N, C-alpha and C. Protein backbone atom coordinates (compact mmCIF):
# COMPACT_ATOMS: atom_id res chain seq x y z
N MET A 1 52.85 71.42 219.90
CA MET A 1 52.36 72.11 218.74
C MET A 1 52.52 71.22 217.51
N ASP A 2 53.59 70.48 217.44
CA ASP A 2 53.81 69.58 216.33
C ASP A 2 52.78 68.46 216.30
N THR A 3 52.45 67.96 217.43
CA THR A 3 51.49 66.86 217.48
C THR A 3 50.11 67.32 217.07
N LYS A 4 49.77 68.54 217.41
CA LYS A 4 48.46 69.08 217.01
C LYS A 4 48.40 69.23 215.48
N ARG A 5 49.47 69.68 214.91
CA ARG A 5 49.52 69.88 213.46
C ARG A 5 49.43 68.52 212.75
N ILE A 6 50.13 67.54 213.23
CA ILE A 6 50.12 66.22 212.63
C ILE A 6 48.72 65.60 212.78
N LEU A 7 48.10 65.77 213.94
CA LEU A 7 46.75 65.26 214.16
C LEU A 7 45.76 65.93 213.22
N HIS A 8 45.90 67.20 213.03
CA HIS A 8 45.01 67.97 212.14
C HIS A 8 45.16 67.48 210.70
N ILE A 9 46.38 67.27 210.25
CA ILE A 9 46.64 66.78 208.89
C ILE A 9 46.08 65.38 208.72
N ALA A 10 46.23 64.55 209.74
CA ALA A 10 45.72 63.17 209.68
C ALA A 10 44.21 63.16 209.57
N ILE A 11 43.54 64.01 210.31
CA ILE A 11 42.07 64.07 210.24
C ILE A 11 41.62 64.54 208.86
N CYS A 12 42.29 65.52 208.30
CA CYS A 12 41.94 66.01 206.95
C CYS A 12 42.14 64.92 205.91
N LEU A 13 43.25 64.19 205.99
CA LEU A 13 43.50 63.12 205.04
C LEU A 13 42.47 62.01 205.18
N LEU A 14 42.10 61.67 206.40
CA LEU A 14 41.09 60.65 206.63
C LEU A 14 39.74 61.08 206.06
N ALA A 15 39.39 62.34 206.22
CA ALA A 15 38.11 62.84 205.67
C ALA A 15 38.13 62.79 204.14
N ILE A 16 39.25 63.14 203.55
CA ILE A 16 39.36 63.10 202.09
C ILE A 16 39.26 61.66 201.59
N LEU A 17 39.92 60.74 202.25
CA LEU A 17 39.86 59.34 201.85
C LEU A 17 38.45 58.77 201.98
N LEU A 18 37.74 59.17 203.02
CA LEU A 18 36.35 58.70 203.18
C LEU A 18 35.45 59.23 202.06
N MET A 19 35.66 60.48 201.67
CA MET A 19 34.85 61.06 200.58
C MET A 19 35.14 60.37 199.25
N VAL A 20 36.37 60.11 198.98
CA VAL A 20 36.75 59.45 197.73
C VAL A 20 36.23 58.01 197.73
N GLY A 21 36.30 57.35 198.86
CA GLY A 21 35.84 55.97 198.97
C GLY A 21 34.35 55.84 198.80
N GLN A 22 33.60 56.85 199.12
CA GLN A 22 32.14 56.81 199.02
C GLN A 22 31.66 56.95 197.58
N ALA A 23 32.46 57.50 196.69
CA ALA A 23 32.05 57.70 195.30
C ALA A 23 31.91 56.35 194.62
N ALA A 24 30.71 56.06 194.15
CA ALA A 24 30.45 54.78 193.49
C ALA A 24 30.75 54.91 192.00
N PRO A 25 31.25 53.86 191.37
CA PRO A 25 31.49 53.93 189.92
C PRO A 25 30.16 54.03 189.18
N LYS A 26 30.20 54.73 188.06
CA LYS A 26 28.98 54.96 187.29
C LYS A 26 28.64 53.71 186.47
N THR A 27 27.35 53.50 186.30
CA THR A 27 26.91 52.36 185.51
C THR A 27 26.96 52.72 184.04
N LYS A 28 26.81 51.71 183.21
CA LYS A 28 26.83 51.92 181.75
C LYS A 28 25.68 52.82 181.32
N LYS A 29 24.51 52.63 181.95
CA LYS A 29 23.33 53.45 181.63
C LYS A 29 23.59 54.92 181.96
N GLN A 30 24.22 55.18 183.11
CA GLN A 30 24.52 56.56 183.50
C GLN A 30 25.52 57.19 182.52
N LEU A 31 26.52 56.44 182.11
CA LEU A 31 27.50 56.96 181.16
C LEU A 31 26.85 57.27 179.81
N MET A 32 25.93 56.40 179.35
CA MET A 32 25.23 56.64 178.08
C MET A 32 24.34 57.88 178.19
N ASP A 33 23.65 58.03 179.33
CA ASP A 33 22.79 59.20 179.54
C ASP A 33 23.60 60.49 179.54
N GLU A 34 24.77 60.46 180.20
CA GLU A 34 25.62 61.64 180.22
C GLU A 34 26.14 61.99 178.83
N ALA A 35 26.53 60.98 178.05
CA ALA A 35 27.02 61.23 176.70
C ALA A 35 25.91 61.79 175.82
N LEU A 36 24.69 61.23 175.96
CA LEU A 36 23.56 61.72 175.18
C LEU A 36 23.24 63.17 175.56
N GLN A 37 23.25 63.46 176.86
CA GLN A 37 22.97 64.82 177.31
C GLN A 37 24.02 65.80 176.79
N LYS A 38 25.28 65.37 176.76
CA LYS A 38 26.35 66.23 176.24
C LYS A 38 26.14 66.52 174.76
N LYS A 39 25.76 65.49 173.99
CA LYS A 39 25.50 65.69 172.56
C LYS A 39 24.32 66.63 172.35
N LEU A 40 23.26 66.46 173.15
CA LEU A 40 22.10 67.35 173.03
C LEU A 40 22.47 68.79 173.37
N ASP A 41 23.27 68.97 174.41
CA ASP A 41 23.71 70.33 174.78
C ASP A 41 24.55 70.96 173.68
N ASP A 42 25.47 70.17 173.10
CA ASP A 42 26.30 70.69 172.01
C ASP A 42 25.46 71.08 170.81
N PHE A 43 24.49 70.24 170.46
CA PHE A 43 23.62 70.54 169.32
C PHE A 43 22.80 71.79 169.58
N THR A 44 22.26 71.90 170.80
CA THR A 44 21.46 73.08 171.15
C THR A 44 22.30 74.35 171.06
N ARG A 45 23.53 74.30 171.57
CA ARG A 45 24.41 75.48 171.50
C ARG A 45 24.73 75.84 170.05
N ALA A 46 24.95 74.82 169.20
CA ALA A 46 25.27 75.07 167.79
C ALA A 46 24.09 75.73 167.08
N VAL A 47 22.88 75.24 167.34
CA VAL A 47 21.69 75.83 166.71
C VAL A 47 21.47 77.25 167.21
N GLU A 48 21.68 77.47 168.49
CA GLU A 48 21.52 78.83 169.03
C GLU A 48 22.54 79.79 168.42
N ARG A 49 23.80 79.33 168.25
CA ARG A 49 24.81 80.19 167.63
C ARG A 49 24.44 80.53 166.20
N LYS A 50 23.95 79.52 165.46
CA LYS A 50 23.59 79.74 164.06
C LYS A 50 22.42 80.72 163.96
N CYS A 51 21.40 80.50 164.79
CA CYS A 51 20.24 81.40 164.77
C CYS A 51 20.63 82.82 165.17
N THR A 52 21.50 82.92 166.16
CA THR A 52 21.95 84.24 166.60
C THR A 52 22.70 84.96 165.49
N SER A 53 23.55 84.24 164.77
CA SER A 53 24.29 84.89 163.69
C SER A 53 23.36 85.31 162.55
N VAL A 54 22.35 84.49 162.23
CA VAL A 54 21.40 84.85 161.18
C VAL A 54 20.61 86.09 161.60
N ILE A 55 20.16 86.11 162.83
CA ILE A 55 19.39 87.25 163.32
C ILE A 55 20.27 88.51 163.34
N ARG A 56 21.53 88.36 163.75
CA ARG A 56 22.44 89.51 163.79
C ARG A 56 22.67 90.07 162.37
N GLU A 57 22.84 89.18 161.38
CA GLU A 57 23.04 89.64 160.00
C GLU A 57 21.82 90.38 159.49
N ARG A 58 20.64 89.85 159.77
CA ARG A 58 19.41 90.54 159.34
C ARG A 58 19.28 91.90 160.01
N ALA A 59 19.57 91.94 161.30
CA ALA A 59 19.47 93.21 162.02
C ALA A 59 20.48 94.22 161.48
N GLU A 60 21.70 93.77 161.17
CA GLU A 60 22.70 94.69 160.61
C GLU A 60 22.25 95.22 159.26
N THR A 61 21.64 94.37 158.44
CA THR A 61 21.15 94.81 157.14
C THR A 61 20.07 95.88 157.31
N ILE A 62 19.15 95.64 158.23
CA ILE A 62 18.07 96.61 158.46
C ILE A 62 18.64 97.92 158.98
N VAL A 63 19.54 97.83 159.94
CA VAL A 63 20.12 99.05 160.53
C VAL A 63 20.91 99.81 159.48
N ASP A 64 21.70 99.10 158.67
CA ASP A 64 22.48 99.77 157.64
C ASP A 64 21.58 100.50 156.65
N SER A 65 20.49 99.84 156.23
CA SER A 65 19.61 100.48 155.26
C SER A 65 18.92 101.69 155.88
N LEU A 66 18.55 101.58 157.16
CA LEU A 66 17.92 102.73 157.82
C LEU A 66 18.90 103.89 157.96
N LEU A 67 20.14 103.58 158.30
CA LEU A 67 21.14 104.65 158.43
C LEU A 67 21.42 105.32 157.09
N LEU A 68 21.50 104.51 156.02
CA LEU A 68 21.72 105.10 154.69
C LEU A 68 20.54 105.98 154.29
N LEU A 69 19.33 105.50 154.54
CA LEU A 69 18.14 106.29 154.20
C LEU A 69 18.12 107.59 154.97
N GLU A 70 18.43 107.53 156.25
CA GLU A 70 18.45 108.73 157.07
C GLU A 70 19.52 109.70 156.59
N ALA A 71 20.67 109.18 156.20
CA ALA A 71 21.74 110.04 155.70
C ALA A 71 21.35 110.70 154.39
N GLN A 72 20.65 109.97 153.54
CA GLN A 72 20.23 110.54 152.26
C GLN A 72 19.18 111.62 152.46
N VAL A 73 18.30 111.42 153.42
CA VAL A 73 17.25 112.42 153.69
C VAL A 73 17.85 113.69 154.28
N LYS A 74 18.83 113.54 155.14
CA LYS A 74 19.40 114.69 155.84
C LYS A 74 20.62 115.27 155.15
N THR A 75 20.84 114.94 153.90
CA THR A 75 22.02 115.44 153.19
C THR A 75 21.91 116.95 153.03
N VAL A 76 22.95 117.64 153.40
CA VAL A 76 23.00 119.09 153.26
C VAL A 76 23.85 119.38 152.03
N ASP A 77 23.23 120.01 151.03
CA ASP A 77 23.95 120.31 149.81
C ASP A 77 24.61 121.67 149.98
N THR A 78 25.92 121.69 150.02
CA THR A 78 26.63 122.95 150.21
C THR A 78 26.89 123.66 148.90
N PHE A 79 26.81 122.97 147.80
CA PHE A 79 27.04 123.58 146.50
C PHE A 79 25.74 123.52 145.72
N LYS A 80 25.07 124.65 145.64
CA LYS A 80 23.81 124.69 144.90
C LYS A 80 24.06 125.36 143.57
N ARG A 81 23.62 124.74 142.53
CA ARG A 81 23.76 125.33 141.20
C ARG A 81 22.75 126.46 141.05
N PRO A 82 23.15 127.50 140.34
CA PRO A 82 22.18 128.58 140.12
C PRO A 82 21.11 128.10 139.15
N PRO A 83 19.93 128.66 139.25
CA PRO A 83 18.87 128.23 138.34
C PRO A 83 19.21 128.65 136.90
N THR A 84 18.70 127.91 135.96
CA THR A 84 18.97 128.24 134.55
C THR A 84 18.29 129.57 134.23
N PRO A 85 18.97 130.44 133.51
CA PRO A 85 18.38 131.74 133.20
C PRO A 85 17.22 131.59 132.21
N THR A 86 16.29 132.51 132.30
CA THR A 86 15.16 132.49 131.37
C THR A 86 15.57 133.20 130.08
N LYS A 87 14.93 132.82 128.99
CA LYS A 87 15.25 133.46 127.71
C LYS A 87 14.66 134.86 127.70
N PRO A 88 15.41 135.81 127.16
CA PRO A 88 14.87 137.17 127.09
C PRO A 88 13.77 137.24 126.03
N GLU A 89 12.91 138.19 126.18
CA GLU A 89 11.83 138.36 125.20
C GLU A 89 12.43 138.90 123.90
N ARG A 90 11.81 138.53 122.82
CA ARG A 90 12.29 139.03 121.52
C ARG A 90 11.97 140.52 121.40
N PRO A 91 12.93 141.27 120.92
CA PRO A 91 12.65 142.71 120.77
C PRO A 91 11.66 142.94 119.63
N ALA A 92 10.91 144.00 119.76
CA ALA A 92 9.93 144.34 118.71
C ALA A 92 10.69 144.85 117.48
N ILE A 93 10.23 144.49 116.31
CA ILE A 93 10.87 144.93 115.07
C ILE A 93 10.51 146.39 114.84
N LYS A 94 11.56 147.21 114.70
CA LYS A 94 11.33 148.64 114.50
C LYS A 94 11.11 148.92 113.02
N SER A 95 10.17 149.71 112.74
CA SER A 95 9.94 150.08 111.33
C SER A 95 10.89 151.22 110.95
N THR A 96 11.24 151.26 109.70
CA THR A 96 12.17 152.28 109.24
C THR A 96 11.46 153.64 109.18
N LYS A 97 12.24 154.70 109.33
CA LYS A 97 11.65 156.03 109.28
C LYS A 97 11.44 156.50 107.82
N ASP A 98 12.23 155.94 106.92
CA ASP A 98 12.12 156.31 105.50
C ASP A 98 10.96 155.53 104.90
N THR A 99 9.94 156.21 104.41
CA THR A 99 8.77 155.53 103.87
C THR A 99 8.69 155.64 102.35
N THR A 100 9.74 156.11 101.66
CA THR A 100 9.69 156.21 100.21
C THR A 100 9.84 154.84 99.58
N ASP A 101 9.36 154.73 98.36
CA ASP A 101 9.44 153.47 97.64
C ASP A 101 10.88 153.15 97.32
N ILE A 102 11.18 151.92 97.23
CA ILE A 102 12.53 151.47 96.92
C ILE A 102 12.69 151.48 95.41
N ARG A 103 13.75 152.14 94.94
CA ARG A 103 14.05 152.20 93.51
C ARG A 103 15.41 151.59 93.26
N PRO A 104 15.64 151.11 92.00
CA PRO A 104 16.95 150.59 91.70
C PRO A 104 17.99 151.70 91.77
N LEU A 105 19.18 151.32 92.15
CA LEU A 105 20.25 152.29 92.32
C LEU A 105 20.74 152.78 90.96
N PHE A 106 20.88 151.91 90.02
CA PHE A 106 21.27 152.29 88.67
C PHE A 106 20.14 151.98 87.75
N GLU A 107 19.81 152.90 86.93
CA GLU A 107 18.74 152.66 85.97
C GLU A 107 19.34 152.12 84.68
N GLU A 108 18.70 151.17 84.09
CA GLU A 108 19.21 150.53 82.90
C GLU A 108 18.65 151.19 81.65
N GLY A 109 19.40 151.20 80.67
CA GLY A 109 18.96 151.59 79.36
C GLY A 109 18.91 153.08 79.09
N GLU A 110 19.01 153.84 79.80
CA GLU A 110 18.89 155.25 79.43
C GLU A 110 20.14 155.94 79.45
C-alpha cells in the first residue's frame, strides 16, 4: 500500500513538472500587448463607472421631482379654513313717525 501511494505521488509530481516545463516565456511583444489591453480595460471600466454615476444622478433627480409632484397633487388638507363671511345687507332707513315741523326748543326774544 505504501508503494502504491509513493508511485501515485511520483506520477502527479512528474505531470506537474511536465506542465510547468512546457510553459514558454512570453516575448516582449506579448508583454506589451497584455499591458496595453490592461490599460484599455481599466479605461473602459472607468468610463463606464462615470457614465453610470451620471445616469444614476439624472434618474434620481427625475424620480425625486416626480415623487414631489405626486405628493403635492395628492396632499390631503385636514385643516380647512372656513370661507370668509359675506357682508350683511344694509338695513333700510326707517322714517320717523312724527311728521311735524322741527321748531327751536327755546324761542329767543320774547
